[in-house]
């Protein structure tokens, strides 16, 4: 999927699935379930951060970490600040998630183009 990630693509896929779940959950938070959702997402964020620390997926490393940190800030806002700044953090999460997906798509396109070029030689 990404350059130099032959053995790690499944792990990255697993991480991306958890991040997608987390983003979706936070985008569907309601007053009735905000604390439970925030706790569930925070557990996912902690798991994800443990997986990402020490990895050097150079092409997406900074975007991946930024998304994880903003997910954590969003949960912190709900759990410790009574939702203060939650909309701002959630907007940042959505922007960073979109940027990460765009980067992954561009890397995939670049790799496919390179494969096509190599197969023509």
PDB file of N, CA and C in Angstrom:
ATOM      1  N   UNK A   1       0.823  -1.198   0.000  1.00  0.00           N
ATOM      2  CA  UNK A   1       0.000   0.000   0.000  1.00  0.00           C
ATOM      3  C   UNK A   1       0.863   1.256   0.000  1.00  0.00           C
ATOM      4  N   UNK A   2       1.858   1.307   0.875  1.00  0.00           N
ATOM      5  CA  UNK A   2       2.725   2.468   0.976  1.00  0.00           C
ATOM      6  C   UNK A   2       4.158   1.988   0.820  1.00  0.00           C
ATOM      7  N   UNK A   3       4.999   2.829   0.236  1.00  0.00           N
ATOM      8  CA  UNK A   3       6.389   2.467  -0.013  1.00  0.00           C
ATOM      9  C   UNK A   3       7.023   1.874   1.227  1.00  0.00           C
ATOM     10  N   UNK A   4       7.685   0.740   1.058  1.00  0.00           N
ATOM     11  CA  UNK A   4       8.439   0.129   2.134  1.00  0.00           C
ATOM     12  C   UNK A   4       7.597  -0.456   3.250  1.00  0.00           C
ATOM     13  N   UNK A   5       6.354  -0.765   2.970  1.00  0.00           N
ATOM     14  CA  UNK A   5       5.477  -1.237   4.027  1.00  0.00           C
ATOM     15  C   UNK A   5       4.944  -2.629   3.764  1.00  0.00           C
ATOM     16  N   UNK A   6       5.666  -3.438   3.024  1.00  0.00           N
ATOM     17  CA  UNK A   6       5.175  -4.773   2.676  1.00  0.00           C
ATOM     18  C   UNK A   6       4.674  -5.540   3.889  1.00  0.00           C
ATOM     19  N   UNK A   7       5.443  -5.566   4.964  1.00  0.00           N
ATOM     20  CA  UNK A   7       5.065  -6.337   6.150  1.00  0.00           C
ATOM     21  C   UNK A   7       4.154  -5.567   7.088  1.00  0.00           C
ATOM     22  N   UNK A   8       4.028  -4.279   6.886  1.00  0.00           N
ATOM     23  CA  UNK A   8       3.288  -3.453   7.831  1.00  0.00           C
ATOM     24  C   UNK A   8       1.934  -2.992   7.311  1.00  0.00           C
ATOM     25  N   UNK A   9       1.597  -3.305   6.070  1.00  0.00           N
ATOM     26  CA  UNK A   9       0.357  -2.763   5.510  1.00  0.00           C
ATOM     27  C   UNK A   9      -0.873  -3.248   6.260  1.00  0.00           C
ATOM     28  N   UNK A  10      -0.858  -4.495   6.743  1.00  0.00           N
ATOM     29  CA  UNK A  10      -1.993  -4.977   7.529  1.00  0.00           C
ATOM     30  C   UNK A  10      -2.118  -4.208   8.832  1.00  0.00           C
ATOM     31  N   UNK A  11      -0.988  -3.923   9.447  1.00  0.00           N
ATOM     32  CA  UNK A  11      -1.004  -3.159  10.694  1.00  0.00           C
ATOM     33  C   UNK A  11      -1.523  -1.748  10.450  1.00  0.00           C
ATOM     34  N   UNK A  12      -1.069  -1.114   9.385  1.00  0.00           N
ATOM     35  CA  UNK A  12      -1.560   0.215   9.063  1.00  0.00           C
ATOM     36  C   UNK A  12      -3.056   0.166   8.762  1.00  0.00           C
ATOM     37  N   UNK A  13      -3.490  -0.841   8.042  1.00  0.00           N
ATOM     38  CA  UNK A  13      -4.915  -0.986   7.753  1.00  0.00           C
ATOM     39  C   UNK A  13      -5.735  -1.114   9.016  1.00  0.00           C
ATOM     40  N   UNK A  14      -5.230  -1.879   9.968  1.00  0.00           N
ATOM     41  CA  UNK A  14      -5.916  -2.039  11.254  1.00  0.00           C
ATOM     42  C   UNK A  14      -5.994  -0.700  11.988  1.00  0.00           C
ATOM     43  N   UNK A  15      -4.905   0.039  11.974  1.00  0.00           N
ATOM     44  CA  UNK A  15      -4.869   1.355  12.614  1.00  0.00           C
ATOM     45  C   UNK A  15      -5.853   2.299  11.937  1.00  0.00           C
ATOM     46  N   UNK A  16      -5.859   2.305  10.615  1.00  0.00           N
ATOM     47  CA  UNK A  16      -6.776   3.186   9.893  1.00  0.00           C
ATOM     48  C   UNK A  16      -8.233   2.833  10.171  1.00  0.00           C
ATOM     49  N   UNK A  17      -8.540   1.551  10.305  1.00  0.00           N
ATOM     50  CA  UNK A  17      -9.908   1.151  10.657  1.00  0.00           C
ATOM     51  C   UNK A  17     -10.310   1.696  12.023  1.00  0.00           C
ATOM     52  N   UNK A  18      -9.406   1.606  12.988  1.00  0.00           N
ATOM     53  CA  UNK A  18      -9.694   2.112  14.334  1.00  0.00           C
ATOM     54  C   UNK A  18      -9.846   3.628  14.309  1.00  0.00           C
ATOM     55  N   UNK A  19      -9.005   4.311  13.548  1.00  0.00           N
ATOM     56  CA  UNK A  19      -9.126   5.765  13.437  1.00  0.00           C
ATOM     57  C   UNK A  19     -10.442   6.153  12.778  1.00  0.00           C
ATOM     58  N   UNK A  20     -10.833   5.432  11.741  1.00  0.00           N
ATOM     59  CA  UNK A  20     -12.101   5.706  11.076  1.00  0.00           C
ATOM     60  C   UNK A  20     -13.266   5.533  12.051  1.00  0.00           C
ATOM     61  N   UNK A  21     -13.258   4.437  12.800  1.00  0.00           N
ATOM     62  CA  UNK A  21     -14.296   4.210  13.816  1.00  0.00           C
ATOM     63  C   UNK A  21     -14.346   5.360  14.808  1.00  0.00           C
ATOM     64  N   UNK A  22     -13.190   5.795  15.259  1.00  0.00           N
ATOM     65  CA  UNK A  22     -13.112   6.870  16.248  1.00  0.00           C
ATOM     66  C   UNK A  22     -13.684   8.168  15.706  1.00  0.00           C
ATOM     67  N   UNK A  23     -13.306   8.505  14.485  1.00  0.00           N
ATOM     68  CA  UNK A  23     -13.818   9.729  13.862  1.00  0.00           C
ATOM     69  C   UNK A  23     -15.333   9.638  13.703  1.00  0.00           C
ATOM     70  N   UNK A  24     -15.822   8.498  13.251  1.00  0.00           N
ATOM     71  CA  UNK A  24     -17.272   8.319  13.071  1.00  0.00           C
ATOM     72  C   UNK A  24     -18.012   8.442  14.405  1.00  0.00           C
ATOM     73  N   UNK A  25     -17.484   7.821  15.443  1.00  0.00           N
ATOM     74  CA  UNK A  25     -18.129   7.901  16.760  1.00  0.00           C
ATOM     75  C   UNK A  25     -18.211   9.341  17.252  1.00  0.00           C
ATOM     76  N   UNK A  26     -17.118  10.069  17.135  1.00  0.00           N
ATOM     77  CA  UNK A  26     -17.117  11.452  17.612  1.00  0.00           C
ATOM     78  C   UNK A  26     -18.049  12.338  16.802  1.00  0.00           C
ATOM     79  N   UNK A  27     -18.217  12.026  15.535  1.00  0.00           N
ATOM     80  CA  UNK A  27     -19.126  12.819  14.707  1.00  0.00           C
ATOM     81  C   UNK A  27     -20.592  12.510  14.997  1.00  0.00           C
ATOM     82  N   UNK A  28     -20.857  11.473  15.779  1.00  0.00           N
ATOM     83  CA  UNK A  28     -22.240  11.116  16.117  1.00  0.00           C
ATOM     84  C   UNK A  28     -22.494  11.160  17.619  1.00  0.00           C
ATOM     85  N   UNK A  29     -21.709  11.949  18.325  1.00  0.00           N
ATOM     86  CA  UNK A  29     -21.874  12.095  19.772  1.00  0.00           C
ATOM     87  C   UNK A  29     -23.122  12.924  20.052  1.00  0.00           C
ATOM     88  N   UNK A  30     -23.865  12.499  21.065  1.00  0.00           N
ATOM     89  CA  UNK A  30     -24.997  13.297  21.548  1.00  0.00           C
ATOM     90  C   UNK A  30     -24.801  13.529  23.041  1.00  0.00           C
ATOM     91  N   UNK A  31     -25.541  14.456  23.589  1.00  0.00           N
ATOM     92  CA  UNK A  31     -25.424  14.768  25.017  1.00  0.00           C
ATOM     93  C   UNK A  31     -25.616  13.528  25.886  1.00  0.00           C
ATOM     94  N   UNK A  32     -26.513  12.651  25.468  1.00  0.00           N
ATOM     95  CA  UNK A  32     -26.826  11.463  26.272  1.00  0.00           C
ATOM     96  C   UNK A  32     -25.663  10.472  26.331  1.00  0.00           C
ATOM     97  N   UNK A  33     -24.873  10.413  25.280  1.00  0.00           N
ATOM     98  CA  UNK A  33     -23.824   9.385  25.237  1.00  0.00           C
ATOM     99  C   UNK A  33     -22.412   9.941  25.137  1.00  0.00           C
ATOM    100  N   UNK A  34     -22.237  11.235  25.343  1.00  0.00           N
ATOM    101  CA  UNK A  34     -20.923  11.831  25.085  1.00  0.00           C
ATOM    102  C   UNK A  34     -19.813  11.272  25.976  1.00  0.00           C
ATOM    103  N   UNK A  35     -20.082  11.037  27.245  1.00  0.00           N
ATOM    104  CA  UNK A  35     -19.019  10.529  28.123  1.00  0.00           C
ATOM    105  C   UNK A  35     -18.641   9.094  27.777  1.00  0.00           C
ATOM    106  N   UNK A  36     -19.633   8.260  27.532  1.00  0.00           N
ATOM    107  CA  UNK A  36     -19.349   6.866  27.156  1.00  0.00           C
ATOM    108  C   UNK A  36     -18.600   6.809  25.830  1.00  0.00           C
ATOM    109  N   UNK A  37     -19.023   7.611  24.875  1.00  0.00           N
ATOM    110  CA  UNK A  37     -18.345   7.652  23.569  1.00  0.00           C
ATOM    111  C   UNK A  37     -16.914   8.145  23.723  1.00  0.00           C
ATOM    112  N   UNK A  38     -16.743   9.205  24.513  1.00  0.00           N
ATOM    113  CA  UNK A  38     -15.404   9.764  24.701  1.00  0.00           C
ATOM    114  C   UNK A  38     -14.478   8.737  25.345  1.00  0.00           C
ATOM    115  N   UNK A  39     -14.985   7.988  26.309  1.00  0.00           N
ATOM    116  CA  UNK A  39     -14.158   6.943  26.941  1.00  0.00           C
ATOM    117  C   UNK A  39     -13.794   5.849  25.932  1.00  0.00           C
ATOM    118  N   UNK A  40     -14.768   5.439  25.147  1.00  0.00           N
ATOM    119  CA  UNK A  40     -14.520   4.394  24.141  1.00  0.00           C
ATOM    120  C   UNK A  40     -13.492   4.860  23.110  1.00  0.00           C
ATOM    121  N   UNK A  41     -13.649   6.092  22.653  1.00  0.00           N
ATOM    122  CA  UNK A  41     -12.714   6.629  21.657  1.00  0.00           C
ATOM    123  C   UNK A  41     -11.336   6.806  22.280  1.00  0.00           C
ATOM    124  N   UNK A  42     -11.282   7.270  23.515  1.00  0.00           N
ATOM    125  CA  UNK A  42      -9.979   7.452  24.160  1.00  0.00           C
ATOM    126  C   UNK A  42      -9.232   6.122  24.246  1.00  0.00           C
ATOM    127  N   UNK A  43      -9.921   5.034  24.533  1.00  0.00           N
ATOM    128  CA  UNK A  43      -9.268   3.714  24.557  1.00  0.00           C
ATOM    129  C   UNK A  43      -8.711   3.364  23.179  1.00  0.00           C
ATOM    130  N   UNK A  44      -9.473   3.663  22.143  1.00  0.00           N
ATOM    131  CA  UNK A  44      -9.015   3.401  20.779  1.00  0.00           C
ATOM    132  C   UNK A  44      -7.793   4.259  20.452  1.00  0.00           C
ATOM    133  N   UNK A  45      -7.837   5.520  20.894  1.00  0.00           N
ATOM    134  CA  UNK A  45      -6.730   6.441  20.639  1.00  0.00           C
ATOM    135  C   UNK A  45      -5.466   5.945  21.342  1.00  0.00           C
ATOM    136  N   UNK A  46      -5.594   5.520  22.581  1.00  0.00           N
ATOM    137  CA  UNK A  46      -4.430   5.013  23.314  1.00  0.00           C
ATOM    138  C   UNK A  46      -3.847   3.780  22.631  1.00  0.00           C
ATOM    139  N   UNK A  47      -4.711   2.874  22.193  1.00  0.00           N
ATOM    140  CA  UNK A  47      -4.252   1.678  21.480  1.00  0.00           C
ATOM    141  C   UNK A  47      -3.512   2.078  20.204  1.00  0.00           C
ATOM    142  N   UNK A  48      -4.106   3.017  19.466  1.00  0.00           N
ATOM    143  CA  UNK A  48      -3.522   3.463  18.202  1.00  0.00           C
ATOM    144  C   UNK A  48      -2.174   4.124  18.428  1.00  0.00           C
ATOM    145  N   UNK A  49      -2.101   4.970  19.429  1.00  0.00           N
ATOM    146  CA  UNK A  49      -0.847   5.655  19.715  1.00  0.00           C
ATOM    147  C   UNK A  49       0.256   4.661  20.066  1.00  0.00           C
ATOM    148  N   UNK A  50      -0.078   3.638  20.831  1.00  0.00           N
ATOM    149  CA  UNK A  50       0.905   2.597  21.151  1.00  0.00           C
ATOM    150  C   UNK A  50       1.411   1.907  19.887  1.00  0.00           C
ATOM    151  N   UNK A  51       0.525   1.687  18.935  1.00  0.00           N
ATOM    152  CA  UNK A  51       0.910   1.030  17.682  1.00  0.00           C
ATOM    153  C   UNK A  51       1.790   1.935  16.817  1.00  0.00           C
ATOM    154  N   UNK A  52       1.502   3.238  16.840  1.00  0.00           N
ATOM    155  CA  UNK A  52       2.172   4.174  15.938  1.00  0.00           C
ATOM    156  C   UNK A  52       3.534   4.608  16.475  1.00  0.00           C
ATOM    157  N   UNK A  53       3.653   4.728  17.795  1.00  0.00           N
ATOM    158  CA  UNK A  53       4.926   5.169  18.372  1.00  0.00           C
ATOM    159  C   UNK A  53       6.027   4.204  17.939  1.00  0.00           C
ATOM    160  N   UNK A  54       7.085   4.771  17.454  1.00  0.00           N
ATOM    161  CA  UNK A  54       8.215   3.953  17.019  1.00  0.00           C
ATOM    162  C   UNK A  54       8.165   3.563  15.555  1.00  0.00           C
ATOM    163  N   UNK A  55       7.022   3.710  14.924  1.00  0.00           N
ATOM    164  CA  UNK A  55       6.906   3.409  13.497  1.00  0.00           C
ATOM    165  C   UNK A  55       7.314   4.645  12.713  1.00  0.00           C
ATOM    166  N   UNK A  56       7.892   4.425  11.583  1.00  0.00           N
ATOM    167  CA  UNK A  56       8.285   5.534  10.716  1.00  0.00           C
ATOM    168  C   UNK A  56       7.673   5.343   9.338  1.00  0.00           C
ATOM    169  N   UNK A  57       6.389   5.562   9.257  1.00  0.00           N
ATOM    170  CA  UNK A  57       5.726   5.559   7.962  1.00  0.00           C
ATOM    171  C   UNK A  57       5.893   6.972   7.423  1.00  0.00           C
ATOM    172  N   UNK A  58       7.047   7.216   6.846  1.00  0.00           N
ATOM    173  CA  UNK A  58       7.516   8.554   6.529  1.00  0.00           C
ATOM    174  C   UNK A  58       6.483   9.380   5.775  1.00  0.00           C
ATOM    175  N   UNK A  59       5.859   8.795   4.776  1.00  0.00           N
ATOM    176  CA  UNK A  59       4.964   9.559   3.918  1.00  0.00           C
ATOM    177  C   UNK A  59       3.746  10.104   4.657  1.00  0.00           C
ATOM    178  N   UNK A  60       3.314   9.421   5.703  1.00  0.00           N
ATOM    179  CA  UNK A  60       2.094   9.850   6.396  1.00  0.00           C
ATOM    180  C   UNK A  60       2.306  10.032   7.892  1.00  0.00           C
ATOM    181  N   UNK A  61       3.539   9.924   8.338  1.00  0.00           N
ATOM    182  CA  UNK A  61       3.822   9.903   9.772  1.00  0.00           C
ATOM    183  C   UNK A  61       3.255  11.117  10.501  1.00  0.00           C
ATOM    184  N   UNK A  62       3.558  12.323  10.054  1.00  0.00           N
ATOM    185  CA  UNK A  62       3.108  13.516  10.777  1.00  0.00           C
ATOM    186  C   UNK A  62       1.584  13.650  10.732  1.00  0.00           C
ATOM    187  N   UNK A  63       0.984  13.360   9.595  1.00  0.00           N
ATOM    188  CA  UNK A  63      -0.473  13.467   9.493  1.00  0.00           C
ATOM    189  C   UNK A  63      -1.170  12.455  10.395  1.00  0.00           C
ATOM    190  N   UNK A  64      -0.616  11.269  10.470  1.00  0.00           N
ATOM    191  CA  UNK A  64      -1.180  10.218  11.312  1.00  0.00           C
ATOM    192  C   UNK A  64      -1.114  10.617  12.784  1.00  0.00           C
ATOM    193  N   UNK A  65       0.033  11.082  13.212  1.00  0.00           N
ATOM    194  CA  UNK A  65       0.182  11.501  14.614  1.00  0.00           C
ATOM    195  C   UNK A  65      -0.695  12.701  14.941  1.00  0.00           C
ATOM    196  N   UNK A  66      -0.770  13.676  14.054  1.00  0.00           N
ATOM    197  CA  UNK A  66      -1.625  14.842  14.304  1.00  0.00           C
ATOM    198  C   UNK A  66      -3.071  14.423  14.501  1.00  0.00           C
ATOM    199  N   UNK A  67      -3.546  13.535  13.660  1.00  0.00           N
ATOM    200  CA  UNK A  67      -4.923  13.062  13.793  1.00  0.00           C
ATOM    201  C   UNK A  67      -5.123  12.389  15.146  1.00  0.00           C
ATOM    202  N   UNK A  68      -4.195  11.550  15.542  1.00  0.00           N
ATOM    203  CA  UNK A  68      -4.310  10.849  16.824  1.00  0.00           C
ATOM    204  C   UNK A  68      -4.319  11.849  17.978  1.00  0.00           C
ATOM    205  N   UNK A  69      -3.451  12.840  17.933  1.00  0.00           N
ATOM    206  CA  UNK A  69      -3.395  13.827  19.014  1.00  0.00           C
ATOM    207  C   UNK A  69      -4.676  14.661  19.071  1.00  0.00           C
ATOM    208  N   UNK A  70      -5.222  15.016  17.921  1.00  0.00           N
ATOM    209  CA  UNK A  70      -6.476  15.780  17.933  1.00  0.00           C
ATOM    210  C   UNK A  70      -7.652  14.919  18.389  1.00  0.00           C
ATOM    211  N   UNK A  71      -7.634  13.645  18.074  1.00  0.00           N
ATOM    212  CA  UNK A  71      -8.662  12.752  18.619  1.00  0.00           C
ATOM    213  C   UNK A  71      -8.574  12.738  20.145  1.00  0.00           C
ATOM    214  N   UNK A  72      -7.368  12.685  20.659  1.00  0.00           N
ATOM    215  CA  UNK A  72      -7.181  12.691  22.107  1.00  0.00           C
ATOM    216  C   UNK A  72      -7.659  14.008  22.718  1.00  0.00           C
ATOM    217  N   UNK A  73      -7.337  15.129  22.090  1.00  0.00           N
ATOM    218  CA  UNK A  73      -7.806  16.428  22.582  1.00  0.00           C
ATOM    219  C   UNK A  73      -9.331  16.513  22.581  1.00  0.00           C
ATOM    220  N   UNK A  74      -9.942  15.956  21.561  1.00  0.00           N
ATOM    221  CA  UNK A  74     -11.398  15.968  21.467  1.00  0.00           C
ATOM    222  C   UNK A  74     -12.005  15.182  22.625  1.00  0.00           C
ATOM    223  N   UNK A  75     -11.445  14.025  22.915  1.00  0.00           N
ATOM    224  CA  UNK A  75     -11.919  13.218  24.056  1.00  0.00           C
ATOM    225  C   UNK A  75     -11.670  13.949  25.369  1.00  0.00           C
ATOM    226  N   UNK A  76     -10.505  14.554  25.494  1.00  0.00           N
ATOM    227  CA  UNK A  76     -10.181  15.314  26.702  1.00  0.00           C
ATOM    228  C   UNK A  76     -11.200  16.421  26.921  1.00  0.00           C
ATOM    229  N   UNK A  77     -11.569  17.088  25.850  1.00  0.00           N
ATOM    230  CA  UNK A  77     -12.562  18.157  25.940  1.00  0.00           C
ATOM    231  C   UNK A  77     -13.883  17.646  26.512  1.00  0.00           C
ATOM    232  N   UNK A  78     -14.326  16.492  26.040  1.00  0.00           N
ATOM    233  CA  UNK A  78     -15.592  15.930  26.530  1.00  0.00           C
ATOM    234  C   UNK A  78     -15.472  15.424  27.967  1.00  0.00           C
ATOM    235  N   UNK A  79     -14.374  14.771  28.275  1.00  0.00           N
ATOM    236  CA  UNK A  79     -14.226  14.135  29.587  1.00  0.00           C
ATOM    237  C   UNK A  79     -13.813  15.089  30.698  1.00  0.00           C
ATOM    238  N   UNK A  80     -13.017  16.101  30.369  1.00  0.00           N
ATOM    239  CA  UNK A  80     -12.440  16.948  31.408  1.00  0.00           C
ATOM    240  C   UNK A  80     -12.841  18.415  31.337  1.00  0.00           C
ATOM    241  N   UNK A  81     -13.436  18.827  30.235  1.00  0.00           N
ATOM    242  CA  UNK A  81     -13.757  20.248  30.078  1.00  0.00           C
ATOM    243  C   UNK A  81     -15.241  20.470  29.771  1.00  0.00           C
ATOM    244  N   UNK A  82     -16.054  19.454  30.026  1.00  0.00           N
ATOM    245  CA  UNK A  82     -17.500  19.532  29.788  1.00  0.00           C
ATOM    246  C   UNK A  82     -17.835  19.927  28.347  1.00  0.00           C
ATOM    247  N   UNK A  83     -17.018  19.488  27.437  1.00  0.00           N
ATOM    248  CA  UNK A  83     -17.281  19.730  26.025  1.00  0.00           C
ATOM    249  C   UNK A  83     -16.807  21.071  25.505  1.00  0.00           C
ATOM    250  N   UNK A  84     -16.155  21.846  26.373  1.00  0.00           N
ATOM    251  CA  UNK A  84     -15.641  23.139  25.929  1.00  0.00           C
ATOM    252  C   UNK A  84     -14.627  22.903  24.812  1.00  0.00           C
ATOM    253  N   UNK A  85     -14.746  23.597  23.756  1.00  0.00           N
ATOM    254  CA  UNK A  85     -13.881  23.500  22.569  1.00  0.00           C
ATOM    255  C   UNK A  85     -14.090  22.216  21.776  1.00  0.00           C
ATOM    256  N   UNK A  86     -15.043  21.388  22.160  1.00  0.00           N
ATOM    257  CA  UNK A  86     -15.299  20.146  21.421  1.00  0.00           C
ATOM    258  C   UNK A  86     -15.552  20.400  19.936  1.00  0.00           C
ATOM    259  N   UNK A  87     -16.428  21.357  19.569  1.00  0.00           N
ATOM    260  CA  UNK A  87     -16.673  21.569  18.130  1.00  0.00           C
ATOM    261  C   UNK A  87     -15.409  21.971  17.361  1.00  0.00           C
ATOM    262  N   UNK A  88     -14.563  22.755  18.009  1.00  0.00           N
ATOM    263  CA  UNK A  88     -13.320  23.190  17.355  1.00  0.00           C
ATOM    264  C   UNK A  88     -12.393  21.996  17.138  1.00  0.00           C
ATOM    265  N   UNK A  89     -12.225  21.185  18.180  1.00  0.00           N
ATOM    266  CA  UNK A  89     -11.365  20.007  18.057  1.00  0.00           C
ATOM    267  C   UNK A  89     -11.929  19.006  17.055  1.00  0.00           C
ATOM    268  N   UNK A  90     -13.237  18.833  17.064  1.00  0.00           N
ATOM    269  CA  UNK A  90     -13.856  17.899  16.122  1.00  0.00           C
ATOM    270  C   UNK A  90     -13.650  18.365  14.683  1.00  0.00           C
ATOM    271  N   UNK A  91     -13.754  19.661  14.464  1.00  0.00           N
ATOM    272  CA  UNK A  91     -13.498  20.194  13.122  1.00  0.00           C
ATOM    273  C   UNK A  91     -12.053  19.910  12.707  1.00  0.00           C
ATOM    274  N   UNK A  92     -11.119  20.088  13.634  1.00  0.00           N
ATOM    275  CA  UNK A  92      -9.711  19.786  13.352  1.00  0.00           C
ATOM    276  C   UNK A  92      -9.516  18.300  13.056  1.00  0.00           C
ATOM    277  N   UNK A  93     -10.194  17.444  13.818  1.00  0.00           N
ATOM    278  CA  UNK A  93     -10.124  15.999  13.576  1.00  0.00           C
ATOM    279  C   UNK A  93     -10.590  15.691  12.161  1.00  0.00           C
ATOM    280  N   UNK A  94     -11.731  16.245  11.777  1.00  0.00           N
ATOM    281  CA  UNK A  94     -12.279  15.971  10.446  1.00  0.00           C
ATOM    282  C   UNK A  94     -11.362  16.474   9.339  1.00  0.00           C
ATOM    283  N   UNK A  95     -10.772  17.653   9.532  1.00  0.00           N
ATOM    284  CA  UNK A  95      -9.847  18.183   8.526  1.00  0.00           C
ATOM    285  C   UNK A  95      -8.598  17.313   8.416  1.00  0.00           C
ATOM    286  N   UNK A  96      -8.057  16.915   9.548  1.00  0.00           N
ATOM    287  CA  UNK A  96      -6.849  16.090   9.529  1.00  0.00           C
ATOM    288  C   UNK A  96      -7.125  14.690   8.984  1.00  0.00           C
ATOM    289  N   UNK A  97      -8.283  14.156   9.289  1.00  0.00           N
ATOM    290  CA  UNK A  97      -8.650  12.843   8.760  1.00  0.00           C
ATOM    291  C   UNK A  97      -8.786  12.915   7.240  1.00  0.00           C
ATOM    292  N   UNK A  98      -9.426  13.956   6.769  1.00  0.00           N
ATOM    293  CA  UNK A  98      -9.572  14.154   5.328  1.00  0.00           C
ATOM    294  C   UNK A  98      -8.202  14.300   4.663  1.00  0.00           C
ATOM    295  N   UNK A  99      -7.319  15.049   5.289  1.00  0.00           N
ATOM    296  CA  UNK A  99      -5.969  15.241   4.755  1.00  0.00           C
ATOM    297  C   UNK A  99      -5.195  13.925   4.716  1.00  0.00           C
ATOM    298  N   UNK A 100      -5.327  13.121   5.766  1.00  0.00           N
ATOM    299  CA  UNK A 100      -4.661  11.818   5.806  1.00  0.00           C
ATOM    300  C   UNK A 100      -5.175  10.914   4.691  1.00  0.00           C
ATOM    301  N   UNK A 101      -6.480  10.871   4.517  1.00  0.00           N
ATOM    302  CA  UNK A 101      -7.052  10.042   3.449  1.00  0.00           C
ATOM    303  C   UNK A 101      -6.593  10.515   2.075  1.00  0.00           C
ATOM    304  N   UNK A 102      -6.522  11.829   1.897  1.00  0.00           N
ATOM    305  CA  UNK A 102      -6.051  12.386   0.630  1.00  0.00           C
ATOM    306  C   UNK A 102      -4.598  11.979   0.378  1.00  0.00           C
ATOM    307  N   UNK A 103      -3.767  12.062   1.402  1.00  0.00           N
ATOM    308  CA  UNK A 103      -2.358  11.671   1.265  1.00  0.00           C
ATOM    309  C   UNK A 103      -2.221  10.194   0.927  1.00  0.00           C
ATOM    310  N   UNK A 104      -3.007   9.362   1.590  1.00  0.00           N
ATOM    311  CA  UNK A 104      -2.971   7.926   1.293  1.00  0.00           C
ATOM    312  C   UNK A 104      -3.390   7.656  -0.145  1.00  0.00           C
ATOM    313  N   UNK A 105      -4.409   8.358  -0.602  1.00  0.00           N
ATOM    314  CA  UNK A 105      -4.870   8.189  -1.976  1.00  0.00           C
ATOM    315  C   UNK A 105      -3.785   8.617  -2.959  1.00  0.00           C
ATOM    316  N   UNK A 106      -3.146   9.759  -2.694  1.00  0.00           N
ATOM    317  CA  UNK A 106      -2.088  10.245  -3.582  1.00  0.00           C
ATOM    318  C   UNK A 106      -0.900   9.282  -3.604  1.00  0.00           C
ATOM    319  N   UNK A 107      -0.543   8.730  -2.453  1.00  0.00           N
ATOM    320  CA  UNK A 107       0.542   7.745  -2.411  1.00  0.00           C
ATOM    321  C   UNK A 107       0.181   6.505  -3.217  1.00  0.00           C
ATOM    322  N   UNK A 108      -1.049   6.076  -3.088  1.00  0.00           N
ATOM    323  CA  UNK A 108      -1.521   4.916  -3.837  1.00  0.00           C
ATOM    324  C   UNK A 108      -1.476   5.198  -5.340  1.00  0.00           C
ATOM    325  N   UNK A 109      -1.958   6.362  -5.743  1.00  0.00           N
ATOM    326  CA  UNK A 109      -1.943   6.742  -7.160  1.00  0.00           C
ATOM    327  C   UNK A 109      -0.511   6.791  -7.687  1.00  0.00           C
ATOM    328  N   UNK A 110       0.378   7.373  -6.895  1.00  0.00           N
ATOM    329  CA  UNK A 110       1.783   7.473  -7.297  1.00  0.00           C
ATOM    330  C   UNK A 110       2.388   6.079  -7.469  1.00  0.00           C
ATOM    331  N   UNK A 111       2.080   5.204  -6.545  1.00  0.00           N
ATOM    332  CA  UNK A 111       2.605   3.839  -6.622  1.00  0.00           C
ATOM    333  C   UNK A 111       2.042   3.111  -7.839  1.00  0.00           C
ATOM    334  N   UNK A 112       0.762   3.263  -8.097  1.00  0.00           N
ATOM    335  CA  UNK A 112       0.151   2.613  -9.256  1.00  0.00           C
ATOM    336  C   UNK A 112       0.766   3.135 -10.551  1.00  0.00           C
ATOM    337  N   UNK A 113       1.007   4.424 -10.612  1.00  0.00           N
ATOM    338  CA  UNK A 113       1.627   5.016 -11.797  1.00  0.00           C
ATOM    339  C   UNK A 113       3.039   4.463 -11.980  1.00  0.00           C
ATOM    340  N   UNK A 114       3.755   4.337 -10.896  1.00  0.00           N
ATOM    341  CA  UNK A 114       5.112   3.800 -10.964  1.00  0.00           C
ATOM    342  C   UNK A 114       5.092   2.337 -11.421  1.00  0.00           C
ATOM    343  N   UNK A 115       4.121   1.564 -10.930  1.00  0.00           N
ATOM    344  CA  UNK A 115       3.993   0.160 -11.349  1.00  0.00           C
ATOM    345  C   UNK A 115       3.684   0.070 -12.842  1.00  0.00           C
ATOM    346  N   UNK A 116       2.792   0.945 -13.319  1.00  0.00           N
ATOM    347  CA  UNK A 116       2.459   0.950 -14.749  1.00  0.00           C
ATOM    348  C   UNK A 116       3.680   1.294 -15.587  1.00  0.00           C
ATOM    349  N   UNK A 117       4.439   2.287 -15.144  1.00  0.00           N
ATOM    350  CA  UNK A 117       5.641   2.702 -15.864  1.00  0.00           C
ATOM    351  C   UNK A 117       6.661   1.565 -15.898  1.00  0.00           C
ATOM    352  N   UNK A 118       6.850   0.905 -14.776  1.00  0.00           N
ATOM    353  CA  UNK A 118       7.812  -0.206 -14.712  1.00  0.00           C
ATOM    354  C   UNK A 118       7.369  -1.383 -15.570  1.00  0.00           C
ATOM    355  N   UNK A 119       6.080  -1.634 -15.648  1.00  0.00           N
ATOM    356  CA  UNK A 119       5.602  -2.774 -16.441  1.00  0.00           C
ATOM    357  C   UNK A 119       5.709  -2.506 -17.942  1.00  0.00           C
ATOM    358  N   UNK A 120       5.782  -1.249 -18.344  1.00  0.00           N
ATOM    359  CA  UNK A 120       5.913  -0.908 -19.757  1.00  0.00           C
ATOM    360  C   UNK A 120       7.352  -1.040 -20.229  1.00  0.00           C
ATOM    361  N   UNK A 121       8.280  -1.086 -19.318  1.00  0.00           N
ATOM    362  CA  UNK A 121       9.702  -1.150 -19.695  1.00  0.00           C
ATOM    363  C   UNK A 121      10.106  -2.525 -20.074  1.00  0.00           C
TER     364      UNK A 121
END
